[in-house]
């Protein structure tokens, strides 16, 4: 799974995209709000680790999500 942080403009907030191994979009959510239904993406119980990754993630850089 891959993650990228997209910078918002004006009234549009920053967003996070989760993509699968084929770079197909599987989740799209606001960076300042927690992702719901984490079990759907096999990330349940990893909320704190995901939050830390999102905070340290630079804008526009796609990277492999390893948590």
PDB file of N, CA and C in Angstrom:
ATOM      1  N   UNK A   1       0.846  -1.165   0.000  1.00  0.00           N
ATOM      2  CA  UNK A   1       0.000   0.000   0.000  1.00  0.00           C
ATOM      3  C   UNK A   1       0.896   1.234   0.000  1.00  0.00           C
ATOM      4  N   UNK A   2       0.457   2.277  -0.683  1.00  0.00           N
ATOM      5  CA  UNK A   2       1.193   3.531  -0.793  1.00  0.00           C
ATOM      6  C   UNK A   2       0.360   4.680  -0.234  1.00  0.00           C
ATOM      7  N   UNK A   3       1.044   5.730   0.211  1.00  0.00           N
ATOM      8  CA  UNK A   3       0.378   6.888   0.793  1.00  0.00           C
ATOM      9  C   UNK A   3       0.977   8.158   0.198  1.00  0.00           C
ATOM     10  N   UNK A   4       0.130   9.162  -0.001  1.00  0.00           N
ATOM     11  CA  UNK A   4       0.577  10.459  -0.496  1.00  0.00           C
ATOM     12  C   UNK A   4      -0.279  11.541   0.166  1.00  0.00           C
ATOM     13  N   UNK A   5       0.361  12.660   0.516  1.00  0.00           N
ATOM     14  CA  UNK A   5      -0.358  13.797   1.101  1.00  0.00           C
ATOM     15  C   UNK A   5      -0.476  14.874   0.025  1.00  0.00           C
ATOM     16  N   UNK A   6      -1.698  15.324  -0.215  1.00  0.00           N
ATOM     17  CA  UNK A   6      -1.992  16.303  -1.255  1.00  0.00           C
ATOM     18  C   UNK A   6      -2.303  17.646  -0.580  1.00  0.00           C
ATOM     19  N   UNK A   7      -1.587  18.688  -0.980  1.00  0.00           N
ATOM     20  CA  UNK A   7      -1.759  20.023  -0.410  1.00  0.00           C
ATOM     21  C   UNK A   7      -3.029  20.656  -0.937  1.00  0.00           C
ATOM     22  N   UNK A   8      -3.849  21.166  -0.025  1.00  0.00           N
ATOM     23  CA  UNK A   8      -5.071  21.859  -0.397  1.00  0.00           C
ATOM     24  C   UNK A   8      -4.766  23.313  -0.744  1.00  0.00           C
ATOM     25  N   UNK A   9      -5.707  23.963  -1.391  1.00  0.00           N
ATOM     26  CA  UNK A   9      -5.552  25.370  -1.763  1.00  0.00           C
ATOM     27  C   UNK A   9      -6.775  26.145  -1.296  1.00  0.00           C
ATOM     28  N   UNK A  10      -6.538  27.358  -0.811  1.00  0.00           N
ATOM     29  CA  UNK A  10      -7.602  28.247  -0.341  1.00  0.00           C
ATOM     30  C   UNK A  10      -8.495  27.531   0.669  1.00  0.00           C
ATOM     31  N   UNK A  11      -9.746  27.278   0.329  1.00  0.00           N
ATOM     32  CA  UNK A  11     -10.684  26.646   1.262  1.00  0.00           C
ATOM     33  C   UNK A  11     -10.665  25.119   1.202  1.00  0.00           C
ATOM     34  N   UNK A  12      -9.895  24.569   0.295  1.00  0.00           N
ATOM     35  CA  UNK A  12      -9.812  23.115   0.156  1.00  0.00           C
ATOM     36  C   UNK A  12      -8.731  22.597   1.123  1.00  0.00           C
ATOM     37  N   UNK A  13      -9.078  21.661   2.012  1.00  0.00           N
ATOM     38  CA  UNK A  13      -8.109  21.174   2.997  1.00  0.00           C
ATOM     39  C   UNK A  13      -7.100  20.193   2.391  1.00  0.00           C
ATOM     40  N   UNK A  14      -6.071  19.873   3.169  1.00  0.00           N
ATOM     41  CA  UNK A  14      -5.099  18.855   2.763  1.00  0.00           C
ATOM     42  C   UNK A  14      -5.771  17.489   2.809  1.00  0.00           C
ATOM     43  N   UNK A  15      -5.399  16.611   1.891  1.00  0.00           N
ATOM     44  CA  UNK A  15      -5.968  15.270   1.824  1.00  0.00           C
ATOM     45  C   UNK A  15      -4.888  14.213   1.791  1.00  0.00           C
ATOM     46  N   UNK A  16      -5.267  13.019   2.190  1.00  0.00           N
ATOM     47  CA  UNK A  16      -4.402  11.849   2.160  1.00  0.00           C
ATOM     48  C   UNK A  16      -5.017  10.846   1.196  1.00  0.00           C
ATOM     49  N   UNK A  17      -4.181  10.255   0.366  1.00  0.00           N
ATOM     50  CA  UNK A  17      -4.628   9.190  -0.531  1.00  0.00           C
ATOM     51  C   UNK A  17      -3.909   7.912  -0.150  1.00  0.00           C
ATOM     52  N   UNK A  18      -4.644   6.814  -0.071  1.00  0.00           N
ATOM     53  CA  UNK A  18      -4.067   5.483   0.081  1.00  0.00           C
ATOM     54  C   UNK A  18      -4.269   4.760  -1.234  1.00  0.00           C
ATOM     55  N   UNK A  19      -3.205   4.179  -1.733  1.00  0.00           N
ATOM     56  CA  UNK A  19      -3.262   3.469  -3.019  1.00  0.00           C
ATOM     57  C   UNK A  19      -2.716   2.061  -2.849  1.00  0.00           C
ATOM     58  N   UNK A  20      -3.265   1.133  -3.642  1.00  0.00           N
ATOM     59  CA  UNK A  20      -2.813  -0.254  -3.543  1.00  0.00           C
ATOM     60  C   UNK A  20      -1.535  -0.458  -4.355  1.00  0.00           C
ATOM     61  N   UNK A  21      -1.110  -1.697  -4.472  1.00  0.00           N
ATOM     62  CA  UNK A  21       0.147  -2.021  -5.163  1.00  0.00           C
ATOM     63  C   UNK A  21       0.129  -1.642  -6.645  1.00  0.00           C
ATOM     64  N   UNK A  22      -1.061  -1.520  -7.234  1.00  0.00           N
ATOM     65  CA  UNK A  22      -1.186  -1.100  -8.636  1.00  0.00           C
ATOM     66  C   UNK A  22      -1.480   0.391  -8.753  1.00  0.00           C
ATOM     67  N   UNK A  23      -1.318   1.127  -7.644  1.00  0.00           N
ATOM     68  CA  UNK A  23      -1.537   2.566  -7.555  1.00  0.00           C
ATOM     69  C   UNK A  23      -2.995   2.979  -7.786  1.00  0.00           C
ATOM     70  N   UNK A  24      -3.919   2.054  -7.572  1.00  0.00           N
ATOM     71  CA  UNK A  24      -5.346   2.348  -7.661  1.00  0.00           C
ATOM     72  C   UNK A  24      -5.776   2.970  -6.339  1.00  0.00           C
ATOM     73  N   UNK A  25      -6.513   4.071  -6.405  1.00  0.00           N
ATOM     74  CA  UNK A  25      -6.980   4.767  -5.217  1.00  0.00           C
ATOM     75  C   UNK A  25      -7.941   3.885  -4.430  1.00  0.00           C
ATOM     76  N   UNK A  26      -7.619   3.650  -3.142  1.00  0.00           N
ATOM     77  CA  UNK A  26      -8.501   2.831  -2.306  1.00  0.00           C
ATOM     78  C   UNK A  26      -9.109   3.631  -1.155  1.00  0.00           C
ATOM     79  N   UNK A  27      -8.494   4.762  -0.792  1.00  0.00           N
ATOM     80  CA  UNK A  27      -9.048   5.614   0.270  1.00  0.00           C
ATOM     81  C   UNK A  27      -8.584   7.041   0.044  1.00  0.00           C
ATOM     82  N   UNK A  28      -9.455   7.991   0.387  1.00  0.00           N
ATOM     83  CA  UNK A  28      -9.200   9.411   0.195  1.00  0.00           C
ATOM     84  C   UNK A  28      -9.862  10.120   1.366  1.00  0.00           C
ATOM     85  N   UNK A  29      -9.073  10.772   2.218  1.00  0.00           N
ATOM     86  CA  UNK A  29      -9.646  11.399   3.405  1.00  0.00           C
ATOM     87  C   UNK A  29      -8.848  12.634   3.792  1.00  0.00           C
ATOM     88  N   UNK A  30      -9.488  13.496   4.584  1.00  0.00           N
ATOM     89  CA  UNK A  30      -8.841  14.725   5.030  1.00  0.00           C
ATOM     90  C   UNK A  30      -7.714  14.404   5.996  1.00  0.00           C
ATOM     91  N   UNK A  31      -6.622  15.131   5.882  1.00  0.00           N
ATOM     92  CA  UNK A  31      -5.458  14.889   6.728  1.00  0.00           C
ATOM     93  C   UNK A  31      -5.732  15.238   8.185  1.00  0.00           C
ATOM     94  N   UNK A  32      -6.649  16.156   8.434  1.00  0.00           N
ATOM     95  CA  UNK A  32      -6.919  16.584   9.806  1.00  0.00           C
ATOM     96  C   UNK A  32      -8.030  15.788  10.489  1.00  0.00           C
ATOM     97  N   UNK A  33      -8.577  14.805   9.813  1.00  0.00           N
ATOM     98  CA  UNK A  33      -9.630  13.968  10.397  1.00  0.00           C
ATOM     99  C   UNK A  33      -9.199  12.510  10.344  1.00  0.00           C
ATOM    100  N   UNK A  34      -9.548  11.762  11.371  1.00  0.00           N
ATOM    101  CA  UNK A  34      -9.136  10.352  11.382  1.00  0.00           C
ATOM    102  C   UNK A  34      -9.882   9.536  10.326  1.00  0.00           C
ATOM    103  N   UNK A  35      -9.206   8.544   9.825  1.00  0.00           N
ATOM    104  CA  UNK A  35      -9.803   7.631   8.851  1.00  0.00           C
ATOM    105  C   UNK A  35     -10.722   6.663   9.581  1.00  0.00           C
ATOM    106  N   UNK A  36     -11.921   6.494   9.061  1.00  0.00           N
ATOM    107  CA  UNK A  36     -12.869   5.556   9.646  1.00  0.00           C
ATOM    108  C   UNK A  36     -12.759   4.222   8.922  1.00  0.00           C
ATOM    109  N   UNK A  37     -13.217   3.179   9.583  1.00  0.00           N
ATOM    110  CA  UNK A  37     -13.231   1.823   9.004  1.00  0.00           C
ATOM    111  C   UNK A  37     -11.836   1.354   8.612  1.00  0.00           C
ATOM    112  N   UNK A  38     -10.877   1.504   9.514  1.00  0.00           N
ATOM    113  CA  UNK A  38      -9.509   1.087   9.227  1.00  0.00           C
ATOM    114  C   UNK A  38      -9.383  -0.410   8.980  1.00  0.00           C
ATOM    115  N   UNK A  39     -10.297  -1.199   9.556  1.00  0.00           N
ATOM    116  CA  UNK A  39     -10.220  -2.647   9.350  1.00  0.00           C
ATOM    117  C   UNK A  39     -10.420  -3.015   7.884  1.00  0.00           C
ATOM    118  N   UNK A  40     -11.102  -2.157   7.143  1.00  0.00           N
ATOM    119  CA  UNK A  40     -11.330  -2.389   5.715  1.00  0.00           C
ATOM    120  C   UNK A  40     -10.016  -2.380   4.932  1.00  0.00           C
ATOM    121  N   UNK A  41      -9.006  -1.679   5.483  1.00  0.00           N
ATOM    122  CA  UNK A  41      -7.707  -1.540   4.812  1.00  0.00           C
ATOM    123  C   UNK A  41      -6.605  -2.278   5.564  1.00  0.00           C
ATOM    124  N   UNK A  42      -6.992  -3.181   6.473  1.00  0.00           N
ATOM    125  CA  UNK A  42      -6.049  -3.939   7.304  1.00  0.00           C
ATOM    126  C   UNK A  42      -5.155  -3.027   8.133  1.00  0.00           C
ATOM    127  N   UNK A  43      -5.706  -1.915   8.604  1.00  0.00           N
ATOM    128  CA  UNK A  43      -4.958  -0.967   9.422  1.00  0.00           C
ATOM    129  C   UNK A  43      -5.562  -0.793  10.808  1.00  0.00           C
ATOM    130  N   UNK A  44      -6.500  -1.655  11.192  1.00  0.00           N
ATOM    131  CA  UNK A  44      -7.111  -1.511  12.507  1.00  0.00           C
ATOM    132  C   UNK A  44      -6.069  -1.758  13.596  1.00  0.00           C
ATOM    133  N   UNK A  45      -6.120  -0.914  14.624  1.00  0.00           N
ATOM    134  CA  UNK A  45      -5.147  -0.979  15.704  1.00  0.00           C
ATOM    135  C   UNK A  45      -3.872  -0.208  15.427  1.00  0.00           C
ATOM    136  N   UNK A  46      -3.784   0.422  14.263  1.00  0.00           N
ATOM    137  CA  UNK A  46      -2.576   1.163  13.879  1.00  0.00           C
ATOM    138  C   UNK A  46      -2.858   2.652  13.718  1.00  0.00           C
ATOM    139  N   UNK A  47      -3.870   3.137  14.438  1.00  0.00           N
ATOM    140  CA  UNK A  47      -4.277   4.537  14.298  1.00  0.00           C
ATOM    141  C   UNK A  47      -3.156   5.505  14.652  1.00  0.00           C
ATOM    142  N   UNK A  48      -2.463   5.243  15.772  1.00  0.00           N
ATOM    143  CA  UNK A  48      -1.392   6.149  16.204  1.00  0.00           C
ATOM    144  C   UNK A  48      -0.230   6.147  15.225  1.00  0.00           C
ATOM    145  N   UNK A  49       0.142   4.969  14.733  1.00  0.00           N
ATOM    146  CA  UNK A  49       1.236   4.874  13.771  1.00  0.00           C
ATOM    147  C   UNK A  49       0.876   5.590  12.473  1.00  0.00           C
ATOM    148  N   UNK A  50      -0.367   5.442  12.026  1.00  0.00           N
ATOM    149  CA  UNK A  50      -0.818   6.113  10.803  1.00  0.00           C
ATOM    150  C   UNK A  50      -0.827   7.625  10.994  1.00  0.00           C
ATOM    151  N   UNK A  51      -1.262   8.079  12.157  1.00  0.00           N
ATOM    152  CA  UNK A  51      -1.277   9.512  12.454  1.00  0.00           C
ATOM    153  C   UNK A  51       0.141  10.083  12.423  1.00  0.00           C
ATOM    154  N   UNK A  52       1.108   9.359  12.988  1.00  0.00           N
ATOM    155  CA  UNK A  52       2.500   9.804  12.977  1.00  0.00           C
ATOM    156  C   UNK A  52       3.062   9.865  11.563  1.00  0.00           C
ATOM    157  N   UNK A  53       2.715   8.889  10.741  1.00  0.00           N
ATOM    158  CA  UNK A  53       3.173   8.878   9.346  1.00  0.00           C
ATOM    159  C   UNK A  53       2.601  10.082   8.607  1.00  0.00           C
ATOM    160  N   UNK A  54       1.323  10.366   8.794  1.00  0.00           N
ATOM    161  CA  UNK A  54       0.664  11.482   8.115  1.00  0.00           C
ATOM    162  C   UNK A  54       1.291  12.811   8.511  1.00  0.00           C
ATOM    163  N   UNK A  55       1.591  12.980   9.797  1.00  0.00           N
ATOM    164  CA  UNK A  55       2.188  14.230  10.268  1.00  0.00           C
ATOM    165  C   UNK A  55       3.578  14.458   9.703  1.00  0.00           C
ATOM    166  N   UNK A  56       4.357  13.409   9.529  1.00  0.00           N
ATOM    167  CA  UNK A  56       5.730  13.559   9.037  1.00  0.00           C
ATOM    168  C   UNK A  56       5.853  13.468   7.517  1.00  0.00           C
ATOM    169  N   UNK A  57       4.769  13.138   6.848  1.00  0.00           N
ATOM    170  CA  UNK A  57       4.780  12.943   5.401  1.00  0.00           C
ATOM    171  C   UNK A  57       4.888  14.268   4.653  1.00  0.00           C
ATOM    172  N   UNK A  58       5.844  14.396   3.735  1.00  0.00           N
ATOM    173  CA  UNK A  58       5.923  15.629   2.940  1.00  0.00           C
ATOM    174  C   UNK A  58       4.820  15.653   1.882  1.00  0.00           C
ATOM    175  N   UNK A  59       4.427  16.840   1.474  1.00  0.00           N
ATOM    176  CA  UNK A  59       3.386  16.974   0.454  1.00  0.00           C
ATOM    177  C   UNK A  59       3.891  16.498  -0.903  1.00  0.00           C
ATOM    178  N   UNK A  60       3.027  15.783  -1.617  1.00  0.00           N
ATOM    179  CA  UNK A  60       3.301  15.399  -2.999  1.00  0.00           C
ATOM    180  C   UNK A  60       4.292  14.277  -3.193  1.00  0.00           C
ATOM    181  N   UNK A  61       4.740  13.631  -2.126  1.00  0.00           N
ATOM    182  CA  UNK A  61       5.707  12.544  -2.275  1.00  0.00           C
ATOM    183  C   UNK A  61       5.029  11.218  -1.984  1.00  0.00           C
ATOM    184  N   UNK A  62       4.933  10.383  -2.995  1.00  0.00           N
ATOM    185  CA  UNK A  62       4.342   9.057  -2.854  1.00  0.00           C
ATOM    186  C   UNK A  62       5.354   8.146  -2.181  1.00  0.00           C
ATOM    187  N   UNK A  63       4.933   7.464  -1.131  1.00  0.00           N
ATOM    188  CA  UNK A  63       5.846   6.521  -0.490  1.00  0.00           C
ATOM    189  C   UNK A  63       5.105   5.300  -0.010  1.00  0.00           C
ATOM    190  N   UNK A  64       5.847   4.223   0.129  1.00  0.00           N
ATOM    191  CA  UNK A  64       5.263   2.964   0.583  1.00  0.00           C
ATOM    192  C   UNK A  64       4.883   3.090   2.045  1.00  0.00           C
ATOM    193  N   UNK A  65       3.684   2.644   2.384  1.00  0.00           N
ATOM    194  CA  UNK A  65       3.188   2.684   3.750  1.00  0.00           C
ATOM    195  C   UNK A  65       3.607   1.407   4.446  1.00  0.00           C
ATOM    196  N   UNK A  66       4.505   1.550   5.411  1.00  0.00           N
ATOM    197  CA  UNK A  66       5.015   0.386   6.139  1.00  0.00           C
ATOM    198  C   UNK A  66       4.800   0.603   7.629  1.00  0.00           C
ATOM    199  N   UNK A  67       3.611   0.198   8.107  1.00  0.00           N
ATOM    200  CA  UNK A  67       3.319   0.296   9.541  1.00  0.00           C
ATOM    201  C   UNK A  67       2.773  -1.022  10.030  1.00  0.00           C
TER     202      UNK A  67
END
